[in-house]
Amino acid sequence: MATKTKAKNTDSTSTILPPDYDPKKDKGDFMNPLMLEYFRRKLIAWREELLRESSETIHNTLQSTELQKPDMADRASAETDHALELRTRDRERKLISKINEALLRIEDGSYGYCEETGEPISVARLEARPNATLSLEAQERHERMERTHRDE
């Protein structure tokens, strides 16, 4: 197991991120201040997008949905659409919670490290899934275990 140093990142405002910064090309230390700031901004932008979409859905879709339609087929269709929107919003609410947890890990210095092994999570994986808590190998093991136990 690799050891990681937990560096408290309390002042992210002092880190100036170049506009063309690419964490995959960064040859510095893993999760250096530039990398942390890059992922912090990425997570915040993702959270803001989810919150904006949620707000738009509440104002445009859910408040204007007429569930008491005279036609049974129209009513069933509207109820199905409404339920689908609510499930989507619930998944997004859970995702926002995971994004907030990732932001806390940035602050406490544990971001980017696998919760299971302590090894660094690849930058490519974090690019694709910035709220990842497990390395690709640990995630695959976890999914194999889930499938095995589900089949029993």
N, C-alpha and C. Protein backbone atom coordinates (compact mmCIF):
# COMPACT_ATOMS: atom_id res chain seq x y z
N MET A 1 0.84 -1.17 0.00
CA MET A 1 0.00 0.00 0.00
C MET A 1 0.90 1.25 0.00
N ALA A 2 0.61 2.15 -0.90
CA ALA A 2 1.38 3.38 -0.97
C ALA A 2 0.93 4.32 0.13
N THR A 3 1.87 5.10 0.61
CA THR A 3 1.49 6.08 1.62
C THR A 3 1.18 7.38 0.93
N LYS A 4 0.22 8.07 1.44
CA LYS A 4 -0.13 9.36 0.87
C LYS A 4 0.07 10.42 1.93
N THR A 5 0.44 11.58 1.47
CA THR A 5 0.58 12.68 2.41
C THR A 5 -0.67 13.52 2.31
N LYS A 6 -1.25 13.76 3.45
CA LYS A 6 -2.45 14.58 3.49
C LYS A 6 -2.02 16.03 3.69
N ALA A 7 -2.15 16.77 2.62
CA ALA A 7 -1.82 18.18 2.69
C ALA A 7 -3.13 18.95 2.73
N LYS A 8 -3.33 19.69 3.77
CA LYS A 8 -4.56 20.47 3.91
C LYS A 8 -4.54 21.59 2.88
N ASN A 9 -5.55 21.62 2.05
CA ASN A 9 -5.65 22.64 1.01
C ASN A 9 -6.70 23.65 1.44
N THR A 10 -6.32 24.55 2.29
CA THR A 10 -7.29 25.48 2.84
C THR A 10 -7.43 26.76 2.05
N ASP A 11 -6.43 27.11 1.23
CA ASP A 11 -6.49 28.38 0.52
C ASP A 11 -6.38 28.16 -0.98
N SER A 12 -7.47 27.66 -1.57
CA SER A 12 -7.47 27.39 -3.00
C SER A 12 -7.49 28.67 -3.82
N THR A 13 -7.86 29.80 -3.21
CA THR A 13 -7.91 31.04 -3.97
C THR A 13 -6.51 31.53 -4.34
N SER A 14 -5.48 31.07 -3.65
CA SER A 14 -4.13 31.51 -3.98
C SER A 14 -3.54 30.71 -5.13
N THR A 15 -4.21 29.65 -5.57
CA THR A 15 -3.74 28.85 -6.69
C THR A 15 -4.32 29.41 -7.98
N ILE A 16 -3.44 29.87 -8.85
CA ILE A 16 -3.87 30.41 -10.14
C ILE A 16 -3.76 29.30 -11.17
N LEU A 17 -4.90 28.96 -11.73
CA LEU A 17 -4.97 27.87 -12.69
C LEU A 17 -4.88 28.44 -14.10
N PRO A 18 -3.85 28.04 -14.87
CA PRO A 18 -3.75 28.50 -16.26
C PRO A 18 -4.98 28.04 -17.05
N PRO A 19 -5.48 28.85 -17.99
CA PRO A 19 -6.69 28.48 -18.73
C PRO A 19 -6.54 27.21 -19.56
N ASP A 20 -5.32 26.87 -19.97
CA ASP A 20 -5.10 25.68 -20.79
C ASP A 20 -4.56 24.50 -19.97
N TYR A 21 -4.73 24.55 -18.65
CA TYR A 21 -4.18 23.50 -17.78
C TYR A 21 -4.83 22.16 -18.09
N ASP A 22 -3.99 21.12 -18.21
CA ASP A 22 -4.46 19.75 -18.43
C ASP A 22 -3.79 18.86 -17.39
N PRO A 23 -4.57 18.32 -16.44
CA PRO A 23 -3.96 17.52 -15.38
C PRO A 23 -3.26 16.26 -15.90
N LYS A 24 -3.67 15.76 -17.07
CA LYS A 24 -3.03 14.56 -17.62
C LYS A 24 -1.61 14.85 -18.08
N LYS A 25 -1.34 16.11 -18.38
CA LYS A 25 0.01 16.49 -18.85
C LYS A 25 0.88 17.02 -17.72
N ASP A 26 0.31 17.13 -16.53
CA ASP A 26 1.04 17.66 -15.38
C ASP A 26 2.07 16.64 -14.92
N LYS A 27 3.33 17.02 -14.96
CA LYS A 27 4.42 16.12 -14.56
C LYS A 27 4.84 16.33 -13.11
N GLY A 28 4.12 17.20 -12.42
CA GLY A 28 4.44 17.44 -11.01
C GLY A 28 3.90 16.34 -10.13
N ASP A 29 3.95 16.57 -8.82
CA ASP A 29 3.45 15.61 -7.85
C ASP A 29 1.96 15.35 -8.07
N PHE A 30 1.55 14.12 -7.75
CA PHE A 30 0.14 13.78 -7.84
C PHE A 30 -0.64 14.63 -6.85
N MET A 31 -1.73 15.17 -7.31
CA MET A 31 -2.62 16.04 -6.54
C MET A 31 -1.89 17.24 -5.94
N ASN A 32 -1.07 17.85 -6.78
CA ASN A 32 -0.42 19.10 -6.40
C ASN A 32 -1.48 20.21 -6.39
N PRO A 33 -1.15 21.39 -5.91
CA PRO A 33 -2.17 22.45 -5.80
C PRO A 33 -2.89 22.78 -7.11
N LEU A 34 -2.18 22.75 -8.26
CA LEU A 34 -2.84 23.02 -9.54
C LEU A 34 -3.87 21.94 -9.86
N MET A 35 -3.50 20.70 -9.66
CA MET A 35 -4.41 19.59 -9.94
C MET A 35 -5.63 19.66 -9.03
N LEU A 36 -5.41 19.92 -7.76
CA LEU A 36 -6.52 20.03 -6.82
C LEU A 36 -7.46 21.17 -7.21
N GLU A 37 -6.89 22.30 -7.60
CA GLU A 37 -7.72 23.43 -8.00
C GLU A 37 -8.51 23.11 -9.26
N TYR A 38 -7.87 22.42 -10.21
CA TYR A 38 -8.55 22.01 -11.44
C TYR A 38 -9.78 21.16 -11.11
N PHE A 39 -9.58 20.14 -10.28
CA PHE A 39 -10.69 19.25 -9.95
C PHE A 39 -11.72 19.94 -9.06
N ARG A 40 -11.29 20.83 -8.20
CA ARG A 40 -12.23 21.59 -7.37
C ARG A 40 -13.17 22.40 -8.26
N ARG A 41 -12.61 23.09 -9.24
CA ARG A 41 -13.44 23.89 -10.16
C ARG A 41 -14.35 23.01 -11.00
N LYS A 42 -13.82 21.87 -11.44
CA LYS A 42 -14.62 20.94 -12.24
C LYS A 42 -15.82 20.44 -11.44
N LEU A 43 -15.60 20.08 -10.19
CA LEU A 43 -16.67 19.59 -9.32
C LEU A 43 -17.71 20.69 -9.05
N ILE A 44 -17.23 21.89 -8.78
CA ILE A 44 -18.16 23.01 -8.50
C ILE A 44 -19.00 23.31 -9.74
N ALA A 45 -18.40 23.32 -10.93
CA ALA A 45 -19.15 23.59 -12.15
C ALA A 45 -20.20 22.50 -12.39
N TRP A 46 -19.83 21.25 -12.13
CA TRP A 46 -20.76 20.14 -12.30
C TRP A 46 -21.94 20.28 -11.35
N ARG A 47 -21.64 20.61 -10.09
CA ARG A 47 -22.70 20.78 -9.09
C ARG A 47 -23.64 21.93 -9.48
N GLU A 48 -23.06 23.05 -9.93
CA GLU A 48 -23.88 24.19 -10.33
C GLU A 48 -24.78 23.85 -11.52
N GLU A 49 -24.26 23.06 -12.46
CA GLU A 49 -25.06 22.64 -13.62
C GLU A 49 -26.24 21.77 -13.17
N LEU A 50 -25.97 20.83 -12.27
CA LEU A 50 -27.04 19.97 -11.76
C LEU A 50 -28.10 20.77 -11.01
N LEU A 51 -27.66 21.72 -10.20
CA LEU A 51 -28.60 22.55 -9.45
C LEU A 51 -29.44 23.42 -10.39
N ARG A 52 -28.81 23.96 -11.42
CA ARG A 52 -29.53 24.79 -12.40
C ARG A 52 -30.58 23.95 -13.12
N GLU A 53 -30.19 22.74 -13.57
CA GLU A 53 -31.14 21.86 -14.25
C GLU A 53 -32.30 21.48 -13.34
N SER A 54 -32.00 21.22 -12.09
CA SER A 54 -33.03 20.85 -11.13
C SER A 54 -34.01 22.00 -10.93
N SER A 55 -33.48 23.19 -10.81
CA SER A 55 -34.32 24.37 -10.62
C SER A 55 -35.21 24.59 -11.85
N GLU A 56 -34.64 24.43 -13.04
CA GLU A 56 -35.42 24.59 -14.27
C GLU A 56 -36.53 23.55 -14.34
N THR A 57 -36.24 22.33 -13.94
CA THR A 57 -37.24 21.27 -13.97
C THR A 57 -38.38 21.60 -13.02
N ILE A 58 -38.04 22.06 -11.83
CA ILE A 58 -39.08 22.39 -10.86
C ILE A 58 -39.98 23.49 -11.39
N HIS A 59 -39.37 24.53 -11.96
CA HIS A 59 -40.17 25.66 -12.44
C HIS A 59 -40.93 25.35 -13.72
N ASN A 60 -40.29 24.66 -14.65
CA ASN A 60 -40.91 24.46 -15.96
C ASN A 60 -41.75 23.21 -16.07
N THR A 61 -41.29 22.13 -15.52
CA THR A 61 -41.95 20.85 -15.75
C THR A 61 -42.90 20.48 -14.62
N LEU A 62 -42.36 20.37 -13.43
CA LEU A 62 -43.17 19.83 -12.34
C LEU A 62 -44.30 20.76 -11.91
N GLN A 63 -44.07 22.07 -11.93
CA GLN A 63 -45.12 22.98 -11.50
C GLN A 63 -46.21 23.14 -12.55
N SER A 64 -45.87 22.94 -13.83
CA SER A 64 -46.87 23.13 -14.88
C SER A 64 -47.51 21.83 -15.32
N THR A 65 -47.09 20.70 -14.74
CA THR A 65 -47.65 19.41 -15.15
C THR A 65 -49.08 19.29 -14.66
N GLU A 66 -49.95 19.05 -15.59
CA GLU A 66 -51.37 18.85 -15.29
C GLU A 66 -51.62 17.36 -15.20
N LEU A 67 -51.73 16.84 -13.96
CA LEU A 67 -51.91 15.41 -13.77
C LEU A 67 -53.39 15.02 -13.81
N GLN A 68 -54.28 15.98 -13.71
CA GLN A 68 -55.72 15.68 -13.73
C GLN A 68 -56.29 15.90 -15.13
N LYS A 69 -55.82 15.13 -16.08
CA LYS A 69 -56.31 15.24 -17.46
C LYS A 69 -57.54 14.36 -17.60
N PRO A 70 -58.49 14.78 -18.44
CA PRO A 70 -59.70 14.00 -18.60
C PRO A 70 -59.46 12.65 -19.29
N ASP A 71 -58.51 12.60 -20.20
CA ASP A 71 -58.24 11.35 -20.91
C ASP A 71 -57.31 10.47 -20.08
N MET A 72 -57.69 9.19 -19.90
CA MET A 72 -56.91 8.27 -19.08
C MET A 72 -55.50 8.06 -19.63
N ALA A 73 -55.36 7.95 -20.92
CA ALA A 73 -54.05 7.73 -21.54
C ALA A 73 -53.16 8.96 -21.34
N ASP A 74 -53.72 10.14 -21.51
CA ASP A 74 -52.95 11.38 -21.30
C ASP A 74 -52.52 11.50 -19.84
N ARG A 75 -53.43 11.15 -18.93
CA ARG A 75 -53.12 11.23 -17.51
C ARG A 75 -52.01 10.24 -17.15
N ALA A 76 -52.10 9.03 -17.66
CA ALA A 76 -51.08 8.01 -17.39
C ALA A 76 -49.73 8.45 -17.94
N SER A 77 -49.74 9.01 -19.13
CA SER A 77 -48.49 9.49 -19.74
C SER A 77 -47.88 10.62 -18.91
N ALA A 78 -48.71 11.56 -18.46
CA ALA A 78 -48.24 12.68 -17.64
C ALA A 78 -47.68 12.18 -16.30
N GLU A 79 -48.36 11.20 -15.70
CA GLU A 79 -47.89 10.66 -14.43
C GLU A 79 -46.57 9.92 -14.60
N THR A 80 -46.42 9.21 -15.70
CA THR A 80 -45.16 8.51 -15.98
C THR A 80 -44.02 9.51 -16.17
N ASP A 81 -44.29 10.56 -16.94
CA ASP A 81 -43.27 11.60 -17.14
C ASP A 81 -42.89 12.25 -15.82
N HIS A 82 -43.89 12.54 -15.01
CA HIS A 82 -43.67 13.16 -13.70
C HIS A 82 -42.81 12.26 -12.81
N ALA A 83 -43.13 10.97 -12.76
CA ALA A 83 -42.37 10.02 -11.95
C ALA A 83 -40.93 9.91 -12.45
N LEU A 84 -40.75 9.90 -13.75
CA LEU A 84 -39.41 9.83 -14.32
C LEU A 84 -38.59 11.05 -13.94
N GLU A 85 -39.20 12.22 -14.01
CA GLU A 85 -38.50 13.46 -13.61
C GLU A 85 -38.11 13.40 -12.14
N LEU A 86 -39.01 12.92 -11.30
CA LEU A 86 -38.70 12.84 -9.87
C LEU A 86 -37.57 11.86 -9.60
N ARG A 87 -37.55 10.73 -10.29
CA ARG A 87 -36.45 9.76 -10.11
C ARG A 87 -35.13 10.37 -10.57
N THR A 88 -35.17 11.08 -11.69
CA THR A 88 -33.96 11.74 -12.20
C THR A 88 -33.45 12.76 -11.21
N ARG A 89 -34.35 13.56 -10.65
CA ARG A 89 -33.94 14.57 -9.66
C ARG A 89 -33.38 13.90 -8.41
N ASP A 90 -33.93 12.77 -8.01
CA ASP A 90 -33.42 12.07 -6.83
C ASP A 90 -32.01 11.57 -7.09
N ARG A 91 -31.76 11.01 -8.27
CA ARG A 91 -30.40 10.56 -8.62
C ARG A 91 -29.44 11.75 -8.62
N GLU A 92 -29.89 12.88 -9.15
CA GLU A 92 -29.04 14.06 -9.18
C GLU A 92 -28.77 14.60 -7.77
N ARG A 93 -29.78 14.50 -6.89
CA ARG A 93 -29.58 14.93 -5.49
C ARG A 93 -28.49 14.09 -4.84
N LYS A 94 -28.52 12.78 -5.08
CA LYS A 94 -27.49 11.89 -4.54
C LYS A 94 -26.13 12.20 -5.14
N LEU A 95 -26.10 12.53 -6.43
CA LEU A 95 -24.85 12.88 -7.09
C LEU A 95 -24.28 14.18 -6.52
N ILE A 96 -25.13 15.14 -6.25
CA ILE A 96 -24.68 16.41 -5.64
C ILE A 96 -24.05 16.13 -4.28
N SER A 97 -24.63 15.22 -3.53
CA SER A 97 -24.06 14.84 -2.24
C SER A 97 -22.67 14.25 -2.42
N LYS A 98 -22.49 13.39 -3.43
CA LYS A 98 -21.17 12.81 -3.70
C LYS A 98 -20.18 13.87 -4.16
N ILE A 99 -20.65 14.84 -4.92
CA ILE A 99 -19.78 15.94 -5.34
C ILE A 99 -19.33 16.73 -4.12
N ASN A 100 -20.25 17.01 -3.21
CA ASN A 100 -19.90 17.73 -1.97
C ASN A 100 -18.87 16.95 -1.16
N GLU A 101 -19.02 15.64 -1.11
CA GLU A 101 -18.05 14.80 -0.39
C GLU A 101 -16.68 14.89 -1.05
N ALA A 102 -16.65 14.90 -2.38
CA ALA A 102 -15.38 15.01 -3.10
C ALA A 102 -14.72 16.36 -2.80
N LEU A 103 -15.52 17.42 -2.73
CA LEU A 103 -14.96 18.74 -2.40
C LEU A 103 -14.38 18.74 -0.99
N LEU A 104 -15.02 18.04 -0.06
CA LEU A 104 -14.48 17.92 1.29
C LEU A 104 -13.16 17.14 1.28
N ARG A 105 -13.07 16.11 0.43
CA ARG A 105 -11.81 15.35 0.33
C ARG A 105 -10.70 16.22 -0.24
N ILE A 106 -11.03 17.14 -1.13
CA ILE A 106 -10.01 18.08 -1.62
C ILE A 106 -9.49 18.90 -0.45
N GLU A 107 -10.41 19.37 0.38
CA GLU A 107 -10.02 20.20 1.53
C GLU A 107 -9.19 19.44 2.56
N ASP A 108 -9.52 18.15 2.78
CA ASP A 108 -8.78 17.42 3.81
C ASP A 108 -7.55 16.69 3.27
N GLY A 109 -7.31 16.80 1.96
CA GLY A 109 -6.10 16.22 1.38
C GLY A 109 -6.20 14.76 0.97
N SER A 110 -7.39 14.18 1.02
CA SER A 110 -7.52 12.77 0.65
C SER A 110 -8.08 12.57 -0.76
N TYR A 111 -8.38 13.67 -1.45
CA TYR A 111 -8.94 13.57 -2.80
C TYR A 111 -7.93 12.93 -3.76
N GLY A 112 -8.45 12.04 -4.61
CA GLY A 112 -7.61 11.43 -5.63
C GLY A 112 -6.97 10.12 -5.21
N TYR A 113 -7.23 9.72 -3.98
CA TYR A 113 -6.66 8.47 -3.47
C TYR A 113 -7.78 7.47 -3.21
N CYS A 114 -7.54 6.23 -3.56
CA CYS A 114 -8.51 5.16 -3.41
C CYS A 114 -8.83 4.95 -1.93
N GLU A 115 -10.12 4.94 -1.61
CA GLU A 115 -10.54 4.71 -0.23
C GLU A 115 -10.22 3.30 0.24
N GLU A 116 -10.10 2.37 -0.68
CA GLU A 116 -9.86 0.98 -0.32
C GLU A 116 -8.37 0.67 -0.18
N THR A 117 -7.56 1.15 -1.11
CA THR A 117 -6.14 0.77 -1.14
C THR A 117 -5.20 1.89 -0.74
N GLY A 118 -5.65 3.14 -0.80
CA GLY A 118 -4.78 4.27 -0.52
C GLY A 118 -3.93 4.67 -1.72
N GLU A 119 -4.02 3.92 -2.81
CA GLU A 119 -3.26 4.20 -4.03
C GLU A 119 -3.89 5.39 -4.77
N PRO A 120 -3.09 6.11 -5.54
CA PRO A 120 -3.67 7.19 -6.35
C PRO A 120 -4.67 6.64 -7.38
N ILE A 121 -5.74 7.37 -7.57
CA ILE A 121 -6.71 7.07 -8.63
C ILE A 121 -6.17 7.75 -9.88
N SER A 122 -6.21 7.08 -11.01
CA SER A 122 -5.63 7.66 -12.22
C SER A 122 -6.32 8.98 -12.57
N VAL A 123 -5.53 9.91 -13.11
CA VAL A 123 -6.06 11.21 -13.50
C VAL A 123 -7.12 11.03 -14.58
N ALA A 124 -6.92 10.07 -15.49
CA ALA A 124 -7.91 9.81 -16.54
C ALA A 124 -9.26 9.41 -15.92
N ARG A 125 -9.22 8.59 -14.88
CA ARG A 125 -10.47 8.19 -14.20
C ARG A 125 -11.12 9.39 -13.52
N LEU A 126 -10.32 10.21 -12.88
CA LEU A 126 -10.86 11.40 -12.21
C LEU A 126 -11.42 12.40 -13.23
N GLU A 127 -10.81 12.46 -14.40
CA GLU A 127 -11.34 13.33 -15.46
C GLU A 127 -12.74 12.86 -15.85
N ALA A 128 -12.86 11.53 -16.02
CA ALA A 128 -14.15 10.97 -16.44
C ALA A 128 -15.18 10.98 -15.32
N ARG A 129 -14.73 10.77 -14.10
CA ARG A 129 -15.62 10.70 -12.93
C ARG A 129 -14.94 11.40 -11.76
N PRO A 130 -15.05 12.73 -11.70
CA PRO A 130 -14.32 13.49 -10.67
C PRO A 130 -14.70 13.17 -9.23
N ASN A 131 -15.82 12.50 -9.02
CA ASN A 131 -16.23 12.15 -7.66
C ASN A 131 -15.84 10.71 -7.31
N ALA A 132 -14.99 10.08 -8.11
CA ALA A 132 -14.58 8.70 -7.87
C ALA A 132 -13.86 8.58 -6.53
N THR A 133 -14.16 7.49 -5.82
CA THR A 133 -13.51 7.24 -4.53
C THR A 133 -12.65 5.98 -4.57
N LEU A 134 -12.80 5.21 -5.65
CA LEU A 134 -12.04 3.98 -5.78
C LEU A 134 -11.23 4.00 -7.07
N SER A 135 -10.05 3.38 -7.03
CA SER A 135 -9.27 3.22 -8.26
C SER A 135 -10.05 2.30 -9.18
N LEU A 136 -9.67 2.27 -10.45
CA LEU A 136 -10.36 1.43 -11.41
C LEU A 136 -10.33 -0.04 -10.98
N GLU A 137 -9.17 -0.49 -10.51
CA GLU A 137 -9.02 -1.89 -10.09
C GLU A 137 -9.92 -2.19 -8.89
N ALA A 138 -9.94 -1.29 -7.91
CA ALA A 138 -10.78 -1.49 -6.73
C ALA A 138 -12.26 -1.45 -7.10
N GLN A 139 -12.63 -0.58 -8.03
CA GLN A 139 -14.02 -0.49 -8.48
C GLN A 139 -14.43 -1.78 -9.18
N GLU A 140 -13.55 -2.31 -10.02
CA GLU A 140 -13.85 -3.56 -10.71
C GLU A 140 -14.01 -4.71 -9.71
N ARG A 141 -13.14 -4.77 -8.69
CA ARG A 141 -13.27 -5.79 -7.65
C ARG A 141 -14.61 -5.66 -6.93
N HIS A 142 -14.95 -4.42 -6.60
CA HIS A 142 -16.20 -4.13 -5.91
C HIS A 142 -17.40 -4.60 -6.75
N GLU A 143 -17.38 -4.31 -8.04
CA GLU A 143 -18.49 -4.70 -8.92
C GLU A 143 -18.56 -6.22 -9.08
N ARG A 144 -17.39 -6.88 -9.16
CA ARG A 144 -17.38 -8.35 -9.24
C ARG A 144 -18.01 -8.96 -7.98
N MET A 145 -17.65 -8.40 -6.83
CA MET A 145 -18.21 -8.90 -5.56
C MET A 145 -19.73 -8.68 -5.52
N GLU A 146 -20.19 -7.53 -5.99
CA GLU A 146 -21.63 -7.27 -6.03
C GLU A 146 -22.35 -8.29 -6.91
N ARG A 147 -21.78 -8.56 -8.09
CA ARG A 147 -22.40 -9.54 -8.99
C ARG A 147 -22.42 -10.92 -8.36
N THR A 148 -21.33 -11.29 -7.71
CA THR A 148 -21.23 -12.61 -7.08
C THR A 148 -22.27 -12.75 -5.98
N HIS A 149 -22.42 -11.76 -5.13
CA HIS A 149 -23.36 -11.83 -4.03
C HIS A 149 -24.80 -11.69 -4.49
N ARG A 150 -25.01 -10.97 -5.58
CA ARG A 150 -26.36 -10.81 -6.12
C ARG A 150 -26.86 -12.12 -6.71
N ASP A 151 -25.95 -12.90 -7.29
CA ASP A 151 -26.32 -14.17 -7.93
C ASP A 151 -26.57 -15.28 -6.93
N GLU A 152 -26.17 -15.09 -5.69
CA GLU A 152 -26.35 -16.15 -4.68
C GLU A 152 -27.76 -16.24 -4.17
